[in-house]
């Protein structure tokens, strides 16, 4: 009897399972600390079976990051389309990012800078821009056109710079923070839209 051939759906499921397992391991322990054997064991696969889907650890790591960024882009674009009002949109986007971005974001930044090739870094940077900066910039672009935020030109800035300021706030976890997810999202939204001043705008 001929050996059972895996269907395309089964191959796709296996590939997705590998990516999700690798994502959890890479984001928790870092690129260098995780071997393909560890990933295969976590998935209940042999190393040759894993290599059938990914030729080496680097290619798997790149796919993990691309998959994460694609999911983030899809989520943010969906929120922005469904919730066009500035404050509501920014709050929901903030909440989504806090909930879904890696807890050890600095670890991922380190691995991309020191473990990936320049070509991979350029590709990841473009994917990062498409996942984060472009969707978030679109919120500020729409608000600027509607006149609900300061015109970027009045600050010698752009909506892209607005989005970078916003993202920099979210990339560094608050030390000693005991707020709930909703409270943190409200705090960031309030600060980015109104600042900390008591002066009426």
N, C-alpha and C. Protein backbone atom coordinates (compact mmCIF):
# COMPACT_ATOMS: atom_id res chain seq x y z
N UNK A 1 0.84 -1.20 0.00
CA UNK A 1 0.00 0.00 0.00
C UNK A 1 0.88 1.25 0.00
N UNK A 2 0.56 2.16 -0.88
CA UNK A 2 1.36 3.39 -0.97
C UNK A 2 1.13 4.24 0.25
N UNK A 3 2.18 4.96 0.71
CA UNK A 3 2.01 5.82 1.87
C UNK A 3 1.00 6.92 1.60
N UNK A 4 0.27 7.31 2.63
CA UNK A 4 -0.75 8.34 2.51
C UNK A 4 -0.09 9.69 2.20
N UNK A 5 -0.59 10.35 1.18
CA UNK A 5 -0.07 11.66 0.80
C UNK A 5 -0.84 12.75 1.54
N UNK A 6 -0.11 13.70 2.11
CA UNK A 6 -0.76 14.80 2.79
C UNK A 6 -1.48 15.70 1.78
N UNK A 7 -2.67 16.13 2.13
CA UNK A 7 -3.41 17.04 1.26
C UNK A 7 -2.84 18.45 1.40
N UNK A 8 -3.22 19.32 0.45
CA UNK A 8 -2.77 20.71 0.50
C UNK A 8 -3.25 21.37 1.78
N UNK A 9 -4.48 21.02 2.21
CA UNK A 9 -5.03 21.61 3.44
C UNK A 9 -4.22 21.17 4.65
N UNK A 10 -3.86 19.89 4.68
CA UNK A 10 -3.06 19.38 5.79
C UNK A 10 -1.68 20.02 5.81
N UNK A 11 -1.10 20.20 4.63
CA UNK A 11 0.21 20.85 4.55
C UNK A 11 0.10 22.29 5.04
N UNK A 12 -0.99 22.97 4.66
CA UNK A 12 -1.19 24.34 5.11
C UNK A 12 -1.36 24.42 6.61
N UNK A 13 -2.11 23.48 7.17
CA UNK A 13 -2.32 23.46 8.62
C UNK A 13 -1.00 23.22 9.35
N UNK A 14 -0.20 22.30 8.84
CA UNK A 14 1.10 22.01 9.45
C UNK A 14 1.99 23.24 9.40
N UNK A 15 2.02 23.92 8.27
CA UNK A 15 2.84 25.11 8.13
C UNK A 15 2.40 26.19 9.11
N UNK A 16 1.10 26.40 9.23
CA UNK A 16 0.59 27.41 10.17
C UNK A 16 0.94 27.03 11.61
N UNK A 17 0.83 25.74 11.93
CA UNK A 17 1.18 25.30 13.28
C UNK A 17 2.66 25.54 13.59
N UNK A 18 3.50 25.30 12.60
CA UNK A 18 4.94 25.54 12.78
C UNK A 18 5.19 27.02 13.04
N UNK A 19 4.57 27.87 12.25
CA UNK A 19 4.78 29.32 12.38
C UNK A 19 4.32 29.80 13.75
N UNK A 20 3.17 29.34 14.22
CA UNK A 20 2.66 29.78 15.52
C UNK A 20 3.53 29.28 16.66
N UNK A 21 3.97 28.03 16.57
CA UNK A 21 4.84 27.49 17.61
C UNK A 21 6.18 28.22 17.63
N UNK A 22 6.74 28.47 16.45
CA UNK A 22 8.02 29.18 16.36
C UNK A 22 7.88 30.61 16.86
N UNK A 23 6.77 31.25 16.57
CA UNK A 23 6.55 32.62 17.04
C UNK A 23 6.60 32.69 18.56
N UNK A 24 5.89 31.76 19.22
CA UNK A 24 5.90 31.76 20.68
C UNK A 24 7.29 31.56 21.25
N UNK A 25 8.07 30.67 20.65
CA UNK A 25 9.42 30.37 21.14
C UNK A 25 10.38 31.52 20.84
N UNK A 26 10.37 32.01 19.61
CA UNK A 26 11.28 33.10 19.24
C UNK A 26 11.02 34.36 20.08
N UNK A 27 9.76 34.70 20.25
CA UNK A 27 9.43 35.93 20.96
C UNK A 27 9.72 35.82 22.46
N UNK A 28 9.68 34.61 22.98
CA UNK A 28 9.94 34.43 24.41
C UNK A 28 11.43 34.32 24.70
N UNK A 29 12.16 33.59 23.86
CA UNK A 29 13.56 33.27 24.19
C UNK A 29 14.58 33.90 23.25
N UNK A 30 14.15 34.40 22.11
CA UNK A 30 15.08 35.00 21.17
C UNK A 30 15.54 34.02 20.11
N UNK A 31 16.06 34.56 19.03
CA UNK A 31 16.44 33.76 17.87
C UNK A 31 17.52 32.74 18.19
N UNK A 32 18.59 33.18 18.83
CA UNK A 32 19.74 32.29 19.05
C UNK A 32 19.43 31.15 20.02
N UNK A 33 18.53 31.39 20.96
CA UNK A 33 18.27 30.40 22.01
C UNK A 33 17.39 29.24 21.53
N UNK A 34 16.79 29.38 20.36
CA UNK A 34 15.85 28.37 19.89
C UNK A 34 16.42 27.65 18.67
N UNK A 35 16.38 26.33 18.72
CA UNK A 35 16.85 25.50 17.61
C UNK A 35 15.65 24.99 16.82
N UNK A 36 15.93 24.55 15.59
CA UNK A 36 14.86 23.95 14.80
C UNK A 36 14.39 22.64 15.43
N UNK A 37 15.27 21.96 16.15
CA UNK A 37 14.85 20.74 16.84
C UNK A 37 13.81 21.05 17.92
N UNK A 38 14.03 22.14 18.65
CA UNK A 38 13.08 22.55 19.68
C UNK A 38 11.73 22.89 19.05
N UNK A 39 11.77 23.60 17.95
CA UNK A 39 10.52 23.96 17.26
C UNK A 39 9.81 22.70 16.77
N UNK A 40 10.56 21.80 16.17
CA UNK A 40 9.97 20.56 15.67
C UNK A 40 9.35 19.76 16.81
N UNK A 41 10.07 19.65 17.93
CA UNK A 41 9.54 18.91 19.08
C UNK A 41 8.26 19.54 19.59
N UNK A 42 8.22 20.87 19.62
CA UNK A 42 7.03 21.57 20.10
C UNK A 42 5.84 21.29 19.21
N UNK A 43 6.09 21.12 17.91
CA UNK A 43 5.01 20.86 16.95
C UNK A 43 4.69 19.37 16.82
N UNK A 44 5.49 18.53 17.47
CA UNK A 44 5.29 17.09 17.33
C UNK A 44 5.74 16.57 15.98
N UNK A 45 6.79 17.22 15.43
CA UNK A 45 7.33 16.84 14.13
C UNK A 45 8.78 16.40 14.26
N UNK A 46 9.27 15.75 13.23
CA UNK A 46 10.70 15.49 13.13
C UNK A 46 11.35 16.70 12.46
N UNK A 47 12.67 16.85 12.62
CA UNK A 47 13.33 17.94 11.93
C UNK A 47 13.20 17.85 10.41
N UNK A 48 13.36 16.64 9.81
CA UNK A 48 13.17 16.57 8.35
C UNK A 48 11.78 17.03 7.91
N UNK A 49 10.76 16.73 8.73
CA UNK A 49 9.40 17.18 8.38
C UNK A 49 9.31 18.70 8.44
N UNK A 50 9.97 19.31 9.43
CA UNK A 50 9.98 20.76 9.52
C UNK A 50 10.71 21.37 8.33
N UNK A 51 11.85 20.76 7.96
CA UNK A 51 12.63 21.29 6.84
C UNK A 51 11.90 21.14 5.51
N UNK A 52 10.89 20.29 5.47
CA UNK A 52 10.07 20.18 4.26
C UNK A 52 9.31 21.49 4.02
N UNK A 53 9.01 22.21 5.10
CA UNK A 53 8.27 23.47 5.00
C UNK A 53 9.19 24.69 5.01
N UNK A 54 10.30 24.60 5.76
CA UNK A 54 11.23 25.73 5.88
C UNK A 54 12.65 25.17 5.81
N UNK A 55 13.47 25.68 4.88
CA UNK A 55 14.80 25.10 4.68
C UNK A 55 15.78 25.33 5.83
N UNK A 56 15.54 26.38 6.64
CA UNK A 56 16.45 26.67 7.74
C UNK A 56 15.75 27.56 8.76
N UNK A 57 16.45 27.81 9.85
CA UNK A 57 15.85 28.58 10.95
C UNK A 57 15.59 30.02 10.53
N UNK A 58 16.50 30.61 9.77
CA UNK A 58 16.34 32.01 9.39
C UNK A 58 15.10 32.21 8.53
N UNK A 59 14.88 31.32 7.59
CA UNK A 59 13.70 31.45 6.73
C UNK A 59 12.43 31.32 7.54
N UNK A 60 12.45 30.47 8.55
CA UNK A 60 11.28 30.32 9.43
C UNK A 60 11.08 31.58 10.26
N UNK A 61 12.15 32.16 10.77
CA UNK A 61 12.02 33.39 11.57
C UNK A 61 11.45 34.52 10.72
N UNK A 62 11.96 34.67 9.52
CA UNK A 62 11.45 35.72 8.63
C UNK A 62 9.96 35.52 8.38
N UNK A 63 9.55 34.29 8.17
CA UNK A 63 8.13 34.02 7.93
C UNK A 63 7.29 34.30 9.18
N UNK A 64 7.84 34.02 10.35
CA UNK A 64 7.15 34.34 11.61
C UNK A 64 6.87 35.84 11.68
N UNK A 65 7.90 36.64 11.41
CA UNK A 65 7.74 38.10 11.48
C UNK A 65 6.77 38.59 10.41
N UNK A 66 6.89 38.07 9.21
CA UNK A 66 5.98 38.49 8.13
C UNK A 66 4.54 38.12 8.46
N UNK A 67 4.34 36.94 9.01
CA UNK A 67 2.99 36.51 9.36
C UNK A 67 2.40 37.39 10.45
N UNK A 68 3.22 37.68 11.47
CA UNK A 68 2.77 38.57 12.55
C UNK A 68 2.38 39.94 12.00
N UNK A 69 3.21 40.49 11.12
CA UNK A 69 2.94 41.82 10.57
C UNK A 69 1.72 41.81 9.66
N UNK A 70 1.54 40.74 8.91
CA UNK A 70 0.36 40.64 8.05
C UNK A 70 -0.92 40.62 8.90
N UNK A 71 -0.91 39.85 9.98
CA UNK A 71 -2.07 39.79 10.86
C UNK A 71 -2.33 41.14 11.51
N UNK A 72 -1.27 41.84 11.90
CA UNK A 72 -1.42 43.17 12.49
C UNK A 72 -2.01 44.14 11.47
N UNK A 73 -1.48 44.14 10.25
CA UNK A 73 -1.98 45.02 9.20
C UNK A 73 -3.46 44.76 8.94
N UNK A 74 -3.82 43.50 8.83
CA UNK A 74 -5.22 43.14 8.56
C UNK A 74 -6.13 43.62 9.67
N UNK A 75 -5.70 43.43 10.91
CA UNK A 75 -6.51 43.87 12.05
C UNK A 75 -6.68 45.37 12.12
N UNK A 76 -5.59 46.11 11.93
CA UNK A 76 -5.66 47.57 12.00
C UNK A 76 -6.51 48.15 10.86
N UNK A 77 -6.32 47.64 9.67
CA UNK A 77 -7.10 48.15 8.54
C UNK A 77 -8.59 47.89 8.73
N UNK A 78 -8.93 46.75 9.30
CA UNK A 78 -10.34 46.43 9.55
C UNK A 78 -10.94 47.39 10.57
N UNK A 79 -10.20 47.67 11.65
CA UNK A 79 -10.68 48.59 12.69
C UNK A 79 -10.88 49.99 12.11
N UNK A 80 -9.89 50.47 11.38
CA UNK A 80 -9.94 51.83 10.84
C UNK A 80 -11.10 51.99 9.86
N UNK A 81 -11.37 50.97 9.09
CA UNK A 81 -12.47 51.03 8.13
C UNK A 81 -13.82 51.05 8.85
N UNK A 82 -13.94 50.27 9.93
CA UNK A 82 -15.23 50.15 10.62
C UNK A 82 -15.49 51.30 11.59
N UNK A 83 -14.43 51.96 12.04
CA UNK A 83 -14.58 53.00 13.06
C UNK A 83 -13.88 54.28 12.60
N UNK A 84 -14.54 55.09 11.79
CA UNK A 84 -13.90 56.27 11.20
C UNK A 84 -13.72 57.45 12.15
N UNK A 85 -14.48 57.52 13.25
CA UNK A 85 -14.36 58.66 14.17
C UNK A 85 -13.00 58.63 14.86
N UNK A 86 -12.33 59.78 14.94
CA UNK A 86 -10.93 59.86 15.35
C UNK A 86 -10.65 59.18 16.69
N UNK A 87 -11.30 59.64 17.75
CA UNK A 87 -10.97 59.12 19.08
C UNK A 87 -11.32 57.64 19.22
N UNK A 88 -12.46 57.24 18.69
CA UNK A 88 -12.86 55.84 18.76
C UNK A 88 -11.89 54.97 17.98
N UNK A 89 -11.51 55.43 16.79
CA UNK A 89 -10.58 54.67 15.95
C UNK A 89 -9.23 54.52 16.63
N UNK A 90 -8.71 55.63 17.17
CA UNK A 90 -7.40 55.60 17.80
C UNK A 90 -7.41 54.72 19.06
N UNK A 91 -8.48 54.80 19.83
CA UNK A 91 -8.61 53.94 21.03
C UNK A 91 -8.61 52.47 20.63
N UNK A 92 -9.41 52.10 19.64
CA UNK A 92 -9.52 50.69 19.24
C UNK A 92 -8.21 50.18 18.64
N UNK A 93 -7.54 51.03 17.87
CA UNK A 93 -6.24 50.65 17.32
C UNK A 93 -5.22 50.46 18.43
N UNK A 94 -5.21 51.37 19.40
CA UNK A 94 -4.28 51.27 20.53
C UNK A 94 -4.53 49.98 21.30
N UNK A 95 -5.76 49.70 21.58
CA UNK A 95 -6.13 48.49 22.33
C UNK A 95 -5.70 47.24 21.58
N UNK A 96 -5.92 47.23 20.27
CA UNK A 96 -5.56 46.07 19.45
C UNK A 96 -4.06 45.85 19.45
N UNK A 97 -3.29 46.93 19.31
CA UNK A 97 -1.83 46.79 19.28
C UNK A 97 -1.31 46.28 20.62
N UNK A 98 -1.79 46.86 21.72
CA UNK A 98 -1.34 46.42 23.04
C UNK A 98 -1.64 44.93 23.24
N UNK A 99 -2.81 44.52 22.77
CA UNK A 99 -3.25 43.14 22.98
C UNK A 99 -2.47 42.15 22.14
N UNK A 100 -2.07 42.55 20.93
CA UNK A 100 -1.52 41.58 19.98
C UNK A 100 -0.02 41.70 19.71
N UNK A 101 0.61 42.80 20.05
CA UNK A 101 2.04 42.87 19.77
C UNK A 101 2.82 42.03 20.78
N UNK A 102 4.00 41.53 20.39
CA UNK A 102 4.79 40.69 21.29
C UNK A 102 5.11 41.38 22.60
N UNK A 103 5.06 40.62 23.70
CA UNK A 103 5.35 41.19 25.01
C UNK A 103 6.81 41.63 25.10
N UNK A 104 7.67 40.91 24.40
CA UNK A 104 9.10 41.25 24.40
C UNK A 104 9.47 41.82 23.03
N UNK A 105 8.90 42.99 22.73
CA UNK A 105 9.11 43.61 21.43
C UNK A 105 10.57 43.94 21.21
N UNK A 106 11.27 44.34 22.28
CA UNK A 106 12.70 44.68 22.15
C UNK A 106 13.51 43.47 21.71
N UNK A 107 13.09 42.26 22.11
CA UNK A 107 13.79 41.05 21.70
C UNK A 107 13.68 40.87 20.19
N UNK A 108 12.51 41.10 19.66
CA UNK A 108 12.32 40.98 18.22
C UNK A 108 13.14 42.02 17.47
N UNK A 109 13.15 43.26 17.96
CA UNK A 109 13.96 44.30 17.32
C UNK A 109 15.44 43.91 17.32
N UNK A 110 15.91 43.36 18.44
CA UNK A 110 17.31 42.94 18.56
C UNK A 110 17.62 41.85 17.53
N UNK A 111 16.76 40.85 17.45
CA UNK A 111 17.01 39.73 16.53
C UNK A 111 17.02 40.19 15.08
N UNK A 112 16.11 41.10 14.73
CA UNK A 112 16.08 41.59 13.36
C UNK A 112 17.36 42.36 13.04
N UNK A 113 17.84 43.16 14.00
CA UNK A 113 19.03 43.97 13.75
C UNK A 113 20.30 43.14 13.68
N UNK A 114 20.42 42.12 14.53
CA UNK A 114 21.70 41.42 14.66
C UNK A 114 21.72 40.03 14.03
N UNK A 115 20.59 39.46 13.71
CA UNK A 115 20.57 38.09 13.20
C UNK A 115 20.14 37.98 11.74
N UNK A 116 19.49 39.00 11.22
CA UNK A 116 18.98 38.94 9.85
C UNK A 116 19.93 39.62 8.87
N UNK A 117 19.86 39.23 7.61
CA UNK A 117 20.68 39.84 6.57
C UNK A 117 20.12 41.23 6.23
N UNK A 118 20.94 42.09 5.63
CA UNK A 118 20.42 43.40 5.21
C UNK A 118 19.20 43.29 4.30
N UNK A 119 19.19 42.29 3.42
CA UNK A 119 18.05 42.12 2.52
C UNK A 119 16.79 41.78 3.31
N UNK A 120 16.92 40.89 4.29
CA UNK A 120 15.77 40.53 5.13
C UNK A 120 15.33 41.73 5.97
N UNK A 121 16.27 42.49 6.45
CA UNK A 121 15.94 43.67 7.25
C UNK A 121 15.13 44.67 6.42
N UNK A 122 15.52 44.89 5.17
CA UNK A 122 14.79 45.81 4.30
C UNK A 122 13.38 45.31 4.05
N UNK A 123 13.23 44.01 3.81
CA UNK A 123 11.92 43.44 3.56
C UNK A 123 11.03 43.56 4.79
N UNK A 124 11.61 43.27 5.98
CA UNK A 124 10.84 43.35 7.22
C UNK A 124 10.46 44.80 7.51
N UNK A 125 11.38 45.73 7.25
CA UNK A 125 11.09 47.14 7.47
C UNK A 125 9.91 47.60 6.61
N UNK A 126 9.87 47.16 5.35
CA UNK A 126 8.77 47.53 4.48
C UNK A 126 7.46 46.91 4.98
N UNK A 127 7.52 45.66 5.42
CA UNK A 127 6.32 45.00 5.95
C UNK A 127 5.85 45.69 7.22
N UNK A 128 6.81 46.13 8.05
CA UNK A 128 6.48 46.86 9.28
C UNK A 128 5.78 48.18 8.94
N UNK A 129 6.30 48.87 7.95
CA UNK A 129 5.69 50.14 7.53
C UNK A 129 4.26 49.92 7.05
N UNK A 130 4.06 48.87 6.26
CA UNK A 130 2.72 48.58 5.74
C UNK A 130 1.77 48.13 6.84
N UNK A 131 2.31 47.45 7.86
CA UNK A 131 1.46 46.93 8.93
C UNK A 131 1.07 47.99 9.94
N UNK A 132 2.01 48.88 10.27
CA UNK A 132 1.79 49.86 11.33
C UNK A 132 1.66 51.29 10.80
N UNK A 133 2.72 51.78 10.18
CA UNK A 133 2.80 53.21 9.90
C UNK A 133 1.74 53.69 8.91
N UNK A 134 1.54 52.95 7.84
CA UNK A 134 0.58 53.40 6.84
C UNK A 134 -0.85 53.40 7.39
N UNK A 135 -1.32 52.33 8.04
CA UNK A 135 -2.68 52.39 8.60
C UNK A 135 -2.85 53.49 9.64
N UNK A 136 -1.89 53.64 10.55
CA UNK A 136 -2.02 54.64 11.60
C UNK A 136 -1.93 56.05 11.01
N UNK A 137 -1.06 56.25 10.04
CA UNK A 137 -0.98 57.55 9.38
C UNK A 137 -2.31 57.92 8.75
N UNK A 138 -3.02 56.92 8.25
CA UNK A 138 -4.30 57.21 7.59
C UNK A 138 -5.31 57.78 8.58
N UNK A 139 -5.24 57.40 9.84
CA UNK A 139 -6.12 57.97 10.87
C UNK A 139 -5.86 59.47 10.99
N UNK A 140 -4.57 59.82 11.10
CA UNK A 140 -4.20 61.22 11.27
C UNK A 140 -4.44 62.02 9.98
N UNK A 141 -4.25 61.40 8.82
CA UNK A 141 -4.51 62.08 7.56
C UNK A 141 -5.99 62.46 7.45
N UNK A 142 -6.86 61.52 7.80
CA UNK A 142 -8.29 61.79 7.74
C UNK A 142 -8.68 62.87 8.74
N UNK A 143 -8.12 62.79 9.96
CA UNK A 143 -8.44 63.79 10.99
C UNK A 143 -7.93 65.17 10.60
N UNK A 144 -6.75 65.23 9.99
CA UNK A 144 -6.21 66.52 9.56
C UNK A 144 -7.07 67.13 8.46
N UNK A 145 -7.54 66.28 7.55
CA UNK A 145 -8.40 66.76 6.47
C UNK A 145 -9.74 67.27 7.01
N UNK A 146 -10.21 66.65 8.08
CA UNK A 146 -11.48 67.05 8.69
C UNK A 146 -11.32 68.23 9.65
N UNK A 147 -10.06 68.56 9.97
CA UNK A 147 -9.79 69.67 10.87
C UNK A 147 -10.00 69.33 12.33
N UNK A 148 -9.91 68.05 12.69
CA UNK A 148 -10.12 67.64 14.09
C UNK A 148 -8.81 67.47 14.86
N UNK A 149 -7.67 67.63 14.18
CA UNK A 149 -6.37 67.68 14.86
C UNK A 149 -5.58 68.83 14.25
N UNK A 150 -4.48 69.20 14.91
CA UNK A 150 -3.64 70.28 14.40
C UNK A 150 -3.07 69.90 13.03
N UNK A 151 -3.06 70.89 12.16
CA UNK A 151 -2.45 70.70 10.85
C UNK A 151 -0.97 70.36 11.06
N UNK A 152 -0.50 69.22 10.55
CA UNK A 152 0.91 68.86 10.75
C UNK A 152 1.88 69.94 10.29
N UNK A 153 1.52 70.67 9.24
CA UNK A 153 2.42 71.70 8.72
C UNK A 153 2.63 72.83 9.74
N UNK A 154 1.65 73.04 10.62
CA UNK A 154 1.79 74.09 11.63
C UNK A 154 2.85 73.72 12.66
N UNK A 155 3.21 72.46 12.72
CA UNK A 155 4.25 71.98 13.63
C UNK A 155 5.50 71.54 12.87
N UNK A 156 5.56 71.89 11.60
CA UNK A 156 6.66 71.45 10.74
C UNK A 156 6.79 69.94 10.79
N UNK A 157 5.64 69.26 10.74
CA UNK A 157 5.60 67.80 10.83
C UNK A 157 4.77 67.23 9.68
N UNK A 158 4.55 65.94 9.72
CA UNK A 158 3.69 65.25 8.76
C UNK A 158 2.84 64.24 9.53
N UNK A 159 1.82 63.71 8.89
CA UNK A 159 1.03 62.67 9.55
C UNK A 159 1.86 61.41 9.78
N UNK A 160 2.88 61.22 8.95
CA UNK A 160 3.80 60.10 9.18
C UNK A 160 4.55 60.28 10.49
N UNK A 161 4.98 61.51 10.77
CA UNK A 161 5.66 61.79 12.03
C UNK A 161 4.68 61.62 13.20
N UNK A 162 3.45 62.05 13.03
CA UNK A 162 2.43 61.81 14.06
C UNK A 162 2.34 60.32 14.38
N UNK A 163 2.30 59.51 13.35
CA UNK A 163 2.17 58.06 13.56
C UNK A 163 3.40 57.48 14.24
N UNK A 164 4.59 58.01 13.91
CA UNK A 164 5.82 57.53 14.55
C UNK A 164 5.84 57.88 16.04
N UNK A 165 5.38 59.08 16.38
CA UNK A 165 5.29 59.47 17.80
C UNK A 165 4.35 58.53 18.54
N UNK A 166 3.21 58.27 17.92
CA UNK A 166 2.22 57.37 18.51
C UNK A 166 2.79 55.98 18.72
N UNK A 167 3.46 55.44 17.70
CA UNK A 167 4.00 54.08 17.80
C UNK A 167 5.12 53.99 18.82
N UNK A 168 5.92 55.06 18.96
CA UNK A 168 7.00 55.05 19.95
C UNK A 168 6.45 54.96 21.36
N UNK A 169 5.27 55.54 21.59
CA UNK A 169 4.64 55.45 22.90
C UNK A 169 4.27 54.00 23.22
N UNK A 170 3.80 53.28 22.22
CA UNK A 170 3.32 51.92 22.45
C UNK A 170 4.44 50.88 22.47
N UNK A 171 5.61 51.25 21.98
CA UNK A 171 6.69 50.27 21.88
C UNK A 171 7.45 50.08 23.18
N UNK A 172 7.16 50.92 24.19
CA UNK A 172 7.85 50.81 25.48
C UNK A 172 6.83 50.60 26.59
N UNK A 173 6.76 49.40 27.17
CA UNK A 173 5.79 49.13 28.23
C UNK A 173 5.98 50.06 29.42
N UNK A 174 4.89 50.45 30.04
CA UNK A 174 4.95 51.30 31.22
C UNK A 174 5.47 50.50 32.41
N UNK A 175 6.46 51.03 33.12
CA UNK A 175 7.03 50.35 34.26
C UNK A 175 6.07 50.45 35.46
N UNK A 176 5.88 49.31 36.12
CA UNK A 176 5.02 49.30 37.30
C UNK A 176 3.57 49.58 36.98
N UNK A 177 3.16 49.30 35.75
CA UNK A 177 1.80 49.61 35.33
C UNK A 177 0.84 48.50 35.75
N UNK A 178 -0.22 48.86 36.46
CA UNK A 178 -1.22 47.88 36.89
C UNK A 178 -2.57 48.15 36.23
N UNK A 179 -2.59 48.99 35.21
CA UNK A 179 -3.84 49.33 34.55
C UNK A 179 -4.36 48.16 33.73
N UNK A 180 -5.68 48.12 33.56
CA UNK A 180 -6.27 47.14 32.67
C UNK A 180 -5.98 47.52 31.23
N UNK A 181 -6.25 46.59 30.33
CA UNK A 181 -6.03 46.85 28.91
C UNK A 181 -6.81 48.08 28.46
N UNK A 182 -8.08 48.18 28.83
CA UNK A 182 -8.89 49.33 28.43
C UNK A 182 -8.36 50.62 29.01
N UNK A 183 -7.92 50.60 30.27
CA UNK A 183 -7.38 51.81 30.90
C UNK A 183 -6.11 52.28 30.20
N UNK A 184 -5.25 51.35 29.84
CA UNK A 184 -4.02 51.72 29.14
C UNK A 184 -4.33 52.31 27.77
N UNK A 185 -5.27 51.69 27.06
CA UNK A 185 -5.64 52.21 25.75
C UNK A 185 -6.23 53.61 25.86
N UNK A 186 -7.06 53.84 26.89
CA UNK A 186 -7.64 55.17 27.10
C UNK A 186 -6.55 56.20 27.43
N UNK A 187 -5.59 55.80 28.25
CA UNK A 187 -4.51 56.70 28.63
C UNK A 187 -3.71 57.14 27.41
N UNK A 188 -3.28 56.19 26.60
CA UNK A 188 -2.50 56.53 25.41
C UNK A 188 -3.31 57.41 24.45
N UNK A 189 -4.59 57.08 24.28
CA UNK A 189 -5.44 57.87 23.39
C UNK A 189 -5.58 59.30 23.89
N UNK A 190 -5.78 59.45 25.19
CA UNK A 190 -5.94 60.77 25.77
C UNK A 190 -4.67 61.59 25.62
N UNK A 191 -3.53 60.99 25.88
CA UNK A 191 -2.26 61.70 25.80
C UNK A 191 -1.95 62.11 24.36
N UNK A 192 -2.16 61.22 23.41
CA UNK A 192 -1.81 61.55 22.03
C UNK A 192 -2.75 62.61 21.45
N UNK A 193 -4.01 62.63 21.89
CA UNK A 193 -4.96 63.59 21.35
C UNK A 193 -4.98 64.91 22.09
N UNK A 194 -4.79 64.88 23.42
CA UNK A 194 -4.96 66.10 24.21
C UNK A 194 -3.75 66.47 25.05
N UNK A 195 -2.75 65.60 25.13
CA UNK A 195 -1.59 65.89 25.96
C UNK A 195 -1.94 65.81 27.44
N UNK A 196 -1.13 66.43 28.27
CA UNK A 196 -1.31 66.39 29.71
C UNK A 196 -1.69 67.74 30.28
N UNK A 197 -1.79 68.73 29.44
CA UNK A 197 -2.06 70.08 29.92
C UNK A 197 -3.52 70.24 30.35
N UNK A 198 -3.75 71.05 31.39
CA UNK A 198 -5.11 71.37 31.82
C UNK A 198 -5.69 72.51 31.00
N UNK A 199 -4.83 73.16 30.23
CA UNK A 199 -5.28 74.30 29.43
C UNK A 199 -6.24 73.82 28.36
N UNK A 200 -7.35 74.50 28.21
CA UNK A 200 -8.34 74.15 27.19
C UNK A 200 -7.78 74.47 25.82
N UNK A 201 -7.98 73.52 24.93
CA UNK A 201 -7.46 73.69 23.58
C UNK A 201 -8.43 74.52 22.74
